[in-house]
């Protein structure tokens, strides 16, 4: 495969839940992409997710609201239940958002463990009602920190082995 194909492969891997950039960059080096290009591709994936989710998730509320208003039987009931749940989570978590806010989400996203990361962080930011600008900032910074936390030991190991 060409370097461009490897780069695209790493970018696409970085969009997968739980895998994300932090593991995609390791896979990139494993298939022969330079560490720097692998980091770049994985970071572009993190930035893509960081922008896409905060813009797309609010559309879910709009869809559920329209289902409630249209009165389509069981879909209406499920949509109403969803909207009540989201409102409840947002009300209960408001004090935590005020207390930890952006920094709390950055730390959560930056921890390079399964179950953390941009996917989970964006869902958490959405459910707790964090504003779009803060969500995008937190997700991007946390995701890029996670890539760096994963990249540095790998890069230093490769440097000392060569």
N, C-alpha and C. Protein backbone atom coordinates (compact mmCIF):
# COMPACT_ATOMS: atom_id res chain seq x y z
N UNK A 1 0.83 -1.19 0.00
CA UNK A 1 0.00 0.00 0.00
C UNK A 1 0.88 1.25 0.00
N UNK A 2 0.36 2.30 -0.59
CA UNK A 2 1.10 3.55 -0.64
C UNK A 2 0.97 4.30 0.70
N UNK A 3 1.82 5.31 0.87
CA UNK A 3 1.77 6.12 2.09
C UNK A 3 0.41 6.82 2.21
N UNK A 4 -0.15 7.28 1.09
CA UNK A 4 -1.45 7.93 1.12
C UNK A 4 -2.54 6.95 1.57
N UNK A 5 -2.48 5.73 1.08
CA UNK A 5 -3.44 4.71 1.48
C UNK A 5 -3.32 4.42 2.98
N UNK A 6 -2.08 4.31 3.47
CA UNK A 6 -1.86 4.11 4.91
C UNK A 6 -2.42 5.29 5.71
N UNK A 7 -2.19 6.50 5.22
CA UNK A 7 -2.65 7.71 5.90
C UNK A 7 -4.18 7.70 6.00
N UNK A 8 -4.84 7.39 4.90
CA UNK A 8 -6.31 7.34 4.89
C UNK A 8 -6.81 6.23 5.81
N UNK A 9 -6.13 5.10 5.80
CA UNK A 9 -6.49 3.98 6.67
C UNK A 9 -6.43 4.39 8.14
N UNK A 10 -5.36 5.08 8.53
CA UNK A 10 -5.21 5.54 9.92
C UNK A 10 -6.30 6.56 10.25
N UNK A 11 -6.57 7.46 9.33
CA UNK A 11 -7.63 8.44 9.54
C UNK A 11 -8.97 7.74 9.78
N UNK A 12 -9.31 6.78 8.94
CA UNK A 12 -10.58 6.06 9.08
C UNK A 12 -10.62 5.25 10.39
N UNK A 13 -9.50 4.63 10.75
CA UNK A 13 -9.44 3.91 12.03
C UNK A 13 -9.69 4.85 13.20
N UNK A 14 -9.22 6.08 13.09
CA UNK A 14 -9.36 7.03 14.19
C UNK A 14 -10.80 7.47 14.41
N UNK A 15 -11.68 7.15 13.48
CA UNK A 15 -13.10 7.50 13.61
C UNK A 15 -13.91 6.40 14.29
N UNK A 16 -13.31 5.25 14.55
CA UNK A 16 -14.02 4.11 15.12
C UNK A 16 -14.13 4.28 16.64
N UNK A 17 -15.34 4.04 17.20
CA UNK A 17 -15.51 4.17 18.65
C UNK A 17 -14.53 3.28 19.43
N UNK A 18 -14.05 3.77 20.54
CA UNK A 18 -13.10 3.12 21.44
C UNK A 18 -11.70 2.97 20.84
N UNK A 19 -11.58 2.92 19.54
CA UNK A 19 -10.28 2.83 18.89
C UNK A 19 -9.69 4.22 18.78
N UNK A 20 -10.42 5.08 18.12
CA UNK A 20 -10.09 6.49 17.97
C UNK A 20 -8.63 6.72 17.62
N UNK A 21 -8.19 7.96 17.72
CA UNK A 21 -6.85 8.34 17.30
C UNK A 21 -5.75 7.68 18.09
N UNK A 22 -5.96 7.50 19.38
CA UNK A 22 -4.88 6.99 20.24
C UNK A 22 -4.40 5.61 19.84
N UNK A 23 -5.28 4.77 19.34
CA UNK A 23 -4.86 3.45 18.91
C UNK A 23 -4.61 3.41 17.40
N UNK A 24 -5.30 4.26 16.66
CA UNK A 24 -5.10 4.32 15.21
C UNK A 24 -3.67 4.72 14.88
N UNK A 25 -3.10 5.63 15.65
CA UNK A 25 -1.73 6.06 15.35
C UNK A 25 -0.74 4.92 15.58
N UNK A 26 -1.00 4.08 16.56
CA UNK A 26 -0.13 2.90 16.77
C UNK A 26 -0.26 1.92 15.61
N UNK A 27 -1.48 1.73 15.14
CA UNK A 27 -1.70 0.84 14.00
C UNK A 27 -1.00 1.38 12.76
N UNK A 28 -1.02 2.71 12.60
CA UNK A 28 -0.36 3.33 11.46
C UNK A 28 1.12 3.05 11.43
N UNK A 29 1.76 3.17 12.58
CA UNK A 29 3.20 2.88 12.65
C UNK A 29 3.42 1.39 12.40
N UNK A 30 2.51 0.57 12.89
CA UNK A 30 2.62 -0.88 12.69
C UNK A 30 2.53 -1.31 11.24
N UNK A 31 1.81 -0.54 10.42
CA UNK A 31 1.69 -0.90 9.00
C UNK A 31 2.70 -0.16 8.12
N UNK A 32 3.59 0.60 8.77
CA UNK A 32 4.68 1.21 8.01
C UNK A 32 4.58 2.70 7.76
N UNK A 33 3.57 3.36 8.28
CA UNK A 33 3.46 4.82 8.14
C UNK A 33 4.42 5.46 9.15
N UNK A 34 5.04 6.54 8.79
CA UNK A 34 5.97 7.20 9.72
C UNK A 34 5.19 7.64 10.96
N UNK A 35 5.85 7.67 12.12
CA UNK A 35 5.16 8.10 13.35
C UNK A 35 4.52 9.49 13.21
N UNK A 36 5.21 10.41 12.54
CA UNK A 36 4.69 11.76 12.40
C UNK A 36 3.42 11.80 11.54
N UNK A 37 3.44 11.07 10.41
CA UNK A 37 2.25 11.03 9.55
C UNK A 37 1.11 10.27 10.22
N UNK A 38 1.45 9.25 10.98
CA UNK A 38 0.44 8.50 11.72
C UNK A 38 -0.24 9.40 12.76
N UNK A 39 0.57 10.20 13.46
CA UNK A 39 0.02 11.14 14.44
C UNK A 39 -0.86 12.18 13.75
N UNK A 40 -0.43 12.67 12.61
CA UNK A 40 -1.21 13.65 11.87
C UNK A 40 -2.56 13.08 11.43
N UNK A 41 -2.55 11.88 10.86
CA UNK A 41 -3.80 11.26 10.40
C UNK A 41 -4.75 11.01 11.57
N UNK A 42 -4.21 10.49 12.68
CA UNK A 42 -5.03 10.22 13.86
C UNK A 42 -5.58 11.51 14.45
N UNK A 43 -4.78 12.55 14.44
CA UNK A 43 -5.23 13.84 14.99
C UNK A 43 -6.31 14.47 14.12
N UNK A 44 -6.21 14.30 12.81
CA UNK A 44 -7.28 14.78 11.92
C UNK A 44 -8.59 14.05 12.21
N UNK A 45 -8.49 12.77 12.51
CA UNK A 45 -9.68 12.00 12.89
C UNK A 45 -10.30 12.52 14.18
N UNK A 46 -9.46 12.82 15.17
CA UNK A 46 -9.94 13.37 16.44
C UNK A 46 -10.64 14.71 16.20
N UNK A 47 -10.05 15.55 15.38
CA UNK A 47 -10.65 16.85 15.11
C UNK A 47 -11.98 16.70 14.35
N UNK A 48 -12.04 15.73 13.44
CA UNK A 48 -13.28 15.47 12.71
C UNK A 48 -14.40 15.09 13.69
N UNK A 49 -14.10 14.13 14.58
CA UNK A 49 -15.10 13.71 15.56
C UNK A 49 -15.48 14.86 16.50
N UNK A 50 -14.49 15.64 16.91
CA UNK A 50 -14.73 16.74 17.84
C UNK A 50 -15.67 17.79 17.26
N UNK A 51 -15.62 17.96 15.96
CA UNK A 51 -16.52 18.91 15.30
C UNK A 51 -17.87 18.27 14.95
N UNK A 52 -17.85 17.03 14.51
CA UNK A 52 -19.06 16.39 14.01
C UNK A 52 -20.09 16.12 15.09
N UNK A 53 -19.66 15.55 16.21
CA UNK A 53 -20.63 15.15 17.23
C UNK A 53 -21.39 16.31 17.86
N UNK A 54 -20.70 17.36 18.32
CA UNK A 54 -21.47 18.46 18.91
C UNK A 54 -22.42 19.13 17.92
N UNK A 55 -22.14 19.00 16.65
CA UNK A 55 -23.05 19.57 15.65
C UNK A 55 -24.19 18.62 15.31
N UNK A 56 -23.95 17.31 15.37
CA UNK A 56 -24.95 16.32 14.96
C UNK A 56 -25.88 15.88 16.09
N UNK A 57 -25.38 15.75 17.31
CA UNK A 57 -26.21 15.23 18.39
C UNK A 57 -27.45 16.06 18.69
N UNK A 58 -27.41 17.38 18.62
CA UNK A 58 -28.65 18.15 18.85
C UNK A 58 -29.76 17.82 17.86
N UNK A 59 -29.40 17.31 16.69
CA UNK A 59 -30.41 16.92 15.72
C UNK A 59 -31.26 15.77 16.26
N UNK A 60 -30.69 14.97 17.16
CA UNK A 60 -31.44 13.88 17.77
C UNK A 60 -32.61 14.42 18.59
N UNK A 61 -32.38 15.50 19.33
CA UNK A 61 -33.46 16.13 20.09
C UNK A 61 -34.56 16.62 19.16
N UNK A 62 -34.16 17.22 18.05
CA UNK A 62 -35.15 17.71 17.10
C UNK A 62 -35.98 16.57 16.51
N UNK A 63 -35.30 15.46 16.20
CA UNK A 63 -36.01 14.29 15.68
C UNK A 63 -36.99 13.76 16.71
N UNK A 64 -36.55 13.64 17.95
CA UNK A 64 -37.43 13.11 19.01
C UNK A 64 -38.60 14.05 19.27
N UNK A 65 -38.35 15.34 19.25
CA UNK A 65 -39.42 16.32 19.44
C UNK A 65 -40.45 16.21 18.33
N UNK A 66 -40.00 16.04 17.10
CA UNK A 66 -40.95 15.91 15.99
C UNK A 66 -41.73 14.60 16.09
N UNK A 67 -41.11 13.54 16.60
CA UNK A 67 -41.83 12.28 16.79
C UNK A 67 -42.91 12.43 17.86
N UNK A 68 -42.59 13.16 18.94
CA UNK A 68 -43.58 13.39 19.99
C UNK A 68 -44.75 14.21 19.43
N UNK A 69 -44.45 15.23 18.66
CA UNK A 69 -45.48 16.12 18.13
C UNK A 69 -46.31 15.47 17.03
N UNK A 70 -45.73 14.51 16.29
CA UNK A 70 -46.46 13.89 15.18
C UNK A 70 -47.43 12.82 15.65
N UNK A 71 -47.23 12.28 16.85
CA UNK A 71 -48.17 11.32 17.41
C UNK A 71 -48.18 9.95 16.77
N UNK A 72 -47.04 9.37 16.48
CA UNK A 72 -46.94 8.05 15.86
C UNK A 72 -46.84 6.93 16.90
N UNK A 73 -47.88 6.65 17.63
CA UNK A 73 -47.98 5.52 18.54
C UNK A 73 -46.79 5.28 19.44
N UNK A 74 -46.19 4.08 19.30
CA UNK A 74 -45.09 3.68 20.19
C UNK A 74 -43.84 4.53 19.98
N UNK A 75 -43.63 5.02 18.76
CA UNK A 75 -42.50 5.91 18.52
C UNK A 75 -42.66 7.20 19.32
N UNK A 76 -43.90 7.67 19.42
CA UNK A 76 -44.17 8.88 20.20
C UNK A 76 -43.83 8.66 21.66
N UNK A 77 -44.22 7.52 22.20
CA UNK A 77 -43.93 7.20 23.60
C UNK A 77 -42.44 7.05 23.86
N UNK A 78 -41.74 6.39 22.96
CA UNK A 78 -40.29 6.21 23.12
C UNK A 78 -39.57 7.55 23.02
N UNK A 79 -40.00 8.39 22.10
CA UNK A 79 -39.39 9.71 21.94
C UNK A 79 -39.63 10.57 23.18
N UNK A 80 -40.84 10.51 23.72
CA UNK A 80 -41.15 11.29 24.93
C UNK A 80 -40.31 10.79 26.11
N UNK A 81 -40.15 9.50 26.23
CA UNK A 81 -39.33 8.93 27.29
C UNK A 81 -37.88 9.39 27.15
N UNK A 82 -37.37 9.36 25.93
CA UNK A 82 -36.01 9.82 25.67
C UNK A 82 -35.84 11.29 26.08
N UNK A 83 -36.77 12.14 25.66
CA UNK A 83 -36.66 13.57 25.95
C UNK A 83 -36.74 13.83 27.47
N UNK A 84 -37.60 13.09 28.18
CA UNK A 84 -37.66 13.24 29.65
C UNK A 84 -36.34 12.82 30.28
N UNK A 85 -35.77 11.73 29.79
CA UNK A 85 -34.50 11.24 30.33
C UNK A 85 -33.38 12.26 30.12
N UNK A 86 -33.27 12.80 28.92
CA UNK A 86 -32.22 13.79 28.61
C UNK A 86 -32.40 15.02 29.49
N UNK A 87 -33.64 15.51 29.64
CA UNK A 87 -33.89 16.67 30.51
C UNK A 87 -33.49 16.36 31.95
N UNK A 88 -33.81 15.18 32.42
CA UNK A 88 -33.48 14.79 33.79
C UNK A 88 -31.97 14.73 34.00
N UNK A 89 -31.25 14.12 33.07
CA UNK A 89 -29.79 14.03 33.17
C UNK A 89 -29.18 15.43 33.17
N UNK A 90 -29.67 16.28 32.31
CA UNK A 90 -29.14 17.64 32.23
C UNK A 90 -29.38 18.42 33.52
N UNK A 91 -30.56 18.27 34.11
CA UNK A 91 -30.85 18.98 35.35
C UNK A 91 -29.97 18.48 36.50
N UNK A 92 -29.82 17.18 36.61
CA UNK A 92 -29.02 16.60 37.69
C UNK A 92 -27.54 16.90 37.54
N UNK A 93 -27.06 17.01 36.33
CA UNK A 93 -25.62 17.17 36.11
C UNK A 93 -25.18 18.63 35.98
N UNK A 94 -26.13 19.54 35.97
CA UNK A 94 -25.79 20.96 35.77
C UNK A 94 -24.74 21.45 36.77
N UNK A 95 -24.88 21.04 38.06
CA UNK A 95 -23.91 21.50 39.07
C UNK A 95 -22.51 20.98 38.78
N UNK A 96 -22.41 19.77 38.21
CA UNK A 96 -21.09 19.22 37.89
C UNK A 96 -20.46 19.93 36.69
N UNK A 97 -21.32 20.30 35.74
CA UNK A 97 -20.81 21.03 34.58
C UNK A 97 -20.24 22.36 35.05
N UNK A 98 -20.98 23.03 35.93
CA UNK A 98 -20.49 24.31 36.45
C UNK A 98 -19.20 24.12 37.23
N UNK A 99 -19.11 23.03 37.96
CA UNK A 99 -17.94 22.80 38.83
C UNK A 99 -16.71 22.38 38.04
N UNK A 100 -16.85 21.40 37.14
CA UNK A 100 -15.70 20.84 36.44
C UNK A 100 -15.61 21.27 34.98
N UNK A 101 -16.75 21.47 34.34
CA UNK A 101 -16.85 22.00 32.99
C UNK A 101 -15.85 21.46 31.99
N UNK A 102 -15.25 22.39 31.30
CA UNK A 102 -14.33 22.09 30.20
C UNK A 102 -13.16 21.22 30.68
N UNK A 103 -12.56 21.58 31.79
CA UNK A 103 -11.40 20.84 32.29
C UNK A 103 -11.76 19.39 32.60
N UNK A 104 -12.91 19.17 33.22
CA UNK A 104 -13.34 17.81 33.53
C UNK A 104 -13.51 16.96 32.29
N UNK A 105 -14.11 17.54 31.25
CA UNK A 105 -14.30 16.79 30.01
C UNK A 105 -12.98 16.54 29.30
N UNK A 106 -12.08 17.53 29.32
CA UNK A 106 -10.76 17.35 28.71
C UNK A 106 -10.05 16.17 29.36
N UNK A 107 -10.04 16.12 30.68
CA UNK A 107 -9.36 15.04 31.39
C UNK A 107 -10.00 13.70 31.07
N UNK A 108 -11.33 13.65 31.06
CA UNK A 108 -12.03 12.40 30.76
C UNK A 108 -11.67 11.90 29.36
N UNK A 109 -11.68 12.78 28.38
CA UNK A 109 -11.40 12.39 27.00
C UNK A 109 -9.92 12.02 26.83
N UNK A 110 -9.04 12.70 27.56
CA UNK A 110 -7.59 12.49 27.38
C UNK A 110 -7.09 11.16 27.93
N UNK A 111 -7.80 10.57 28.86
CA UNK A 111 -7.36 9.30 29.45
C UNK A 111 -7.42 8.22 28.37
N UNK A 112 -6.28 7.67 27.97
CA UNK A 112 -6.28 6.71 26.85
C UNK A 112 -6.68 5.29 27.27
N UNK A 113 -7.92 5.14 27.69
CA UNK A 113 -8.47 3.83 28.06
C UNK A 113 -9.77 3.60 27.30
N UNK A 114 -10.11 2.34 27.05
CA UNK A 114 -11.40 2.07 26.41
C UNK A 114 -12.54 2.63 27.28
N UNK A 115 -13.55 3.17 26.63
CA UNK A 115 -14.68 3.72 27.36
C UNK A 115 -14.54 5.21 27.63
N UNK A 116 -13.37 5.76 27.35
CA UNK A 116 -13.19 7.21 27.40
C UNK A 116 -12.94 7.64 25.96
N UNK A 117 -12.72 8.89 25.74
CA UNK A 117 -12.41 9.35 24.39
C UNK A 117 -13.47 10.27 23.84
N UNK A 118 -13.32 10.61 22.58
CA UNK A 118 -14.17 11.62 21.95
C UNK A 118 -15.60 11.12 21.81
N UNK A 119 -15.80 9.86 21.43
CA UNK A 119 -17.16 9.34 21.29
C UNK A 119 -17.93 9.46 22.60
N UNK A 120 -17.37 8.89 23.65
CA UNK A 120 -18.04 8.89 24.96
C UNK A 120 -18.11 10.31 25.52
N UNK A 121 -17.04 11.06 25.36
CA UNK A 121 -17.03 12.44 25.85
C UNK A 121 -18.07 13.31 25.17
N UNK A 122 -18.27 13.12 23.87
CA UNK A 122 -19.26 13.93 23.17
C UNK A 122 -20.67 13.58 23.63
N UNK A 123 -20.91 12.31 23.88
CA UNK A 123 -22.22 11.90 24.40
C UNK A 123 -22.44 12.49 25.80
N UNK A 124 -21.41 12.44 26.63
CA UNK A 124 -21.51 13.02 27.98
C UNK A 124 -21.76 14.52 27.90
N UNK A 125 -21.02 15.22 27.06
CA UNK A 125 -21.19 16.67 26.92
C UNK A 125 -22.60 17.00 26.44
N UNK A 126 -23.11 16.21 25.53
CA UNK A 126 -24.45 16.41 25.01
C UNK A 126 -25.50 16.19 26.11
N UNK A 127 -25.37 15.07 26.83
CA UNK A 127 -26.36 14.75 27.85
C UNK A 127 -26.37 15.76 29.00
N UNK A 128 -25.20 16.26 29.36
CA UNK A 128 -25.16 17.22 30.46
C UNK A 128 -25.47 18.64 30.01
N UNK A 129 -25.67 18.82 28.71
CA UNK A 129 -26.07 20.12 28.20
C UNK A 129 -24.95 21.14 28.08
N UNK A 130 -23.73 20.66 27.88
CA UNK A 130 -22.60 21.59 27.69
C UNK A 130 -22.79 22.32 26.37
N UNK A 131 -22.47 23.61 26.36
CA UNK A 131 -22.65 24.36 25.12
C UNK A 131 -21.70 23.85 24.04
N UNK A 132 -22.07 24.11 22.80
CA UNK A 132 -21.36 23.58 21.64
C UNK A 132 -19.89 23.98 21.60
N UNK A 133 -19.60 25.25 21.85
CA UNK A 133 -18.22 25.75 21.79
C UNK A 133 -17.35 25.05 22.84
N UNK A 134 -17.85 24.93 24.05
CA UNK A 134 -17.10 24.26 25.12
C UNK A 134 -16.92 22.78 24.80
N UNK A 135 -17.96 22.16 24.25
CA UNK A 135 -17.86 20.74 23.88
C UNK A 135 -16.78 20.51 22.84
N UNK A 136 -16.82 21.30 21.77
CA UNK A 136 -15.85 21.13 20.69
C UNK A 136 -14.44 21.35 21.22
N UNK A 137 -14.26 22.40 22.02
CA UNK A 137 -12.93 22.69 22.58
C UNK A 137 -12.45 21.55 23.47
N UNK A 138 -13.30 21.10 24.38
CA UNK A 138 -12.93 20.02 25.30
C UNK A 138 -12.60 18.73 24.58
N UNK A 139 -13.43 18.38 23.61
CA UNK A 139 -13.22 17.13 22.87
C UNK A 139 -11.94 17.19 22.05
N UNK A 140 -11.70 18.30 21.39
CA UNK A 140 -10.49 18.43 20.56
C UNK A 140 -9.23 18.40 21.43
N UNK A 141 -9.21 19.20 22.48
CA UNK A 141 -8.01 19.24 23.34
C UNK A 141 -7.80 17.89 24.02
N UNK A 142 -8.86 17.31 24.57
CA UNK A 142 -8.74 16.01 25.22
C UNK A 142 -8.31 14.91 24.27
N UNK A 143 -8.88 14.90 23.06
CA UNK A 143 -8.52 13.89 22.07
C UNK A 143 -7.07 14.03 21.61
N UNK A 144 -6.63 15.26 21.39
CA UNK A 144 -5.24 15.49 20.98
C UNK A 144 -4.27 15.15 22.12
N UNK A 145 -4.66 15.44 23.36
CA UNK A 145 -3.83 15.04 24.50
C UNK A 145 -3.73 13.52 24.59
N UNK A 146 -4.82 12.84 24.35
CA UNK A 146 -4.82 11.37 24.37
C UNK A 146 -3.87 10.83 23.31
N UNK A 147 -3.92 11.42 22.11
CA UNK A 147 -2.98 11.01 21.06
C UNK A 147 -1.54 11.23 21.51
N UNK A 148 -1.28 12.37 22.12
CA UNK A 148 0.08 12.69 22.57
C UNK A 148 0.54 11.73 23.66
N UNK A 149 -0.36 11.43 24.60
CA UNK A 149 -0.03 10.49 25.69
C UNK A 149 0.33 9.13 25.13
N UNK A 150 -0.35 8.71 24.08
CA UNK A 150 -0.06 7.42 23.45
C UNK A 150 1.18 7.50 22.55
N UNK A 151 1.31 8.63 21.85
CA UNK A 151 2.38 8.78 20.87
C UNK A 151 3.77 8.87 21.50
N UNK A 152 3.91 9.64 22.55
CA UNK A 152 5.24 9.92 23.11
C UNK A 152 6.01 8.67 23.53
N UNK A 153 5.43 7.77 24.32
CA UNK A 153 6.21 6.56 24.67
C UNK A 153 6.57 5.72 23.45
N UNK A 154 5.62 5.63 22.49
CA UNK A 154 5.90 4.85 21.28
C UNK A 154 7.02 5.51 20.47
N UNK A 155 6.97 6.81 20.31
CA UNK A 155 7.97 7.53 19.54
C UNK A 155 9.34 7.42 20.20
N UNK A 156 9.40 7.62 21.52
CA UNK A 156 10.67 7.54 22.24
C UNK A 156 11.25 6.12 22.18
N UNK A 157 10.39 5.13 22.28
CA UNK A 157 10.85 3.73 22.18
C UNK A 157 11.44 3.47 20.79
N UNK A 158 10.74 3.91 19.75
CA UNK A 158 11.25 3.72 18.39
C UNK A 158 12.56 4.48 18.19
N UNK A 159 12.65 5.66 18.76
CA UNK A 159 13.86 6.47 18.63
C UNK A 159 15.06 5.78 19.29
N UNK A 160 14.85 5.25 20.48
CA UNK A 160 15.96 4.62 21.19
C UNK A 160 16.34 3.25 20.62
N UNK A 161 15.38 2.57 19.96
CA UNK A 161 15.67 1.29 19.35
C UNK A 161 16.40 1.43 18.02
N UNK A 162 16.29 2.59 17.39
CA UNK A 162 16.93 2.74 16.08
C UNK A 162 18.33 3.29 16.18
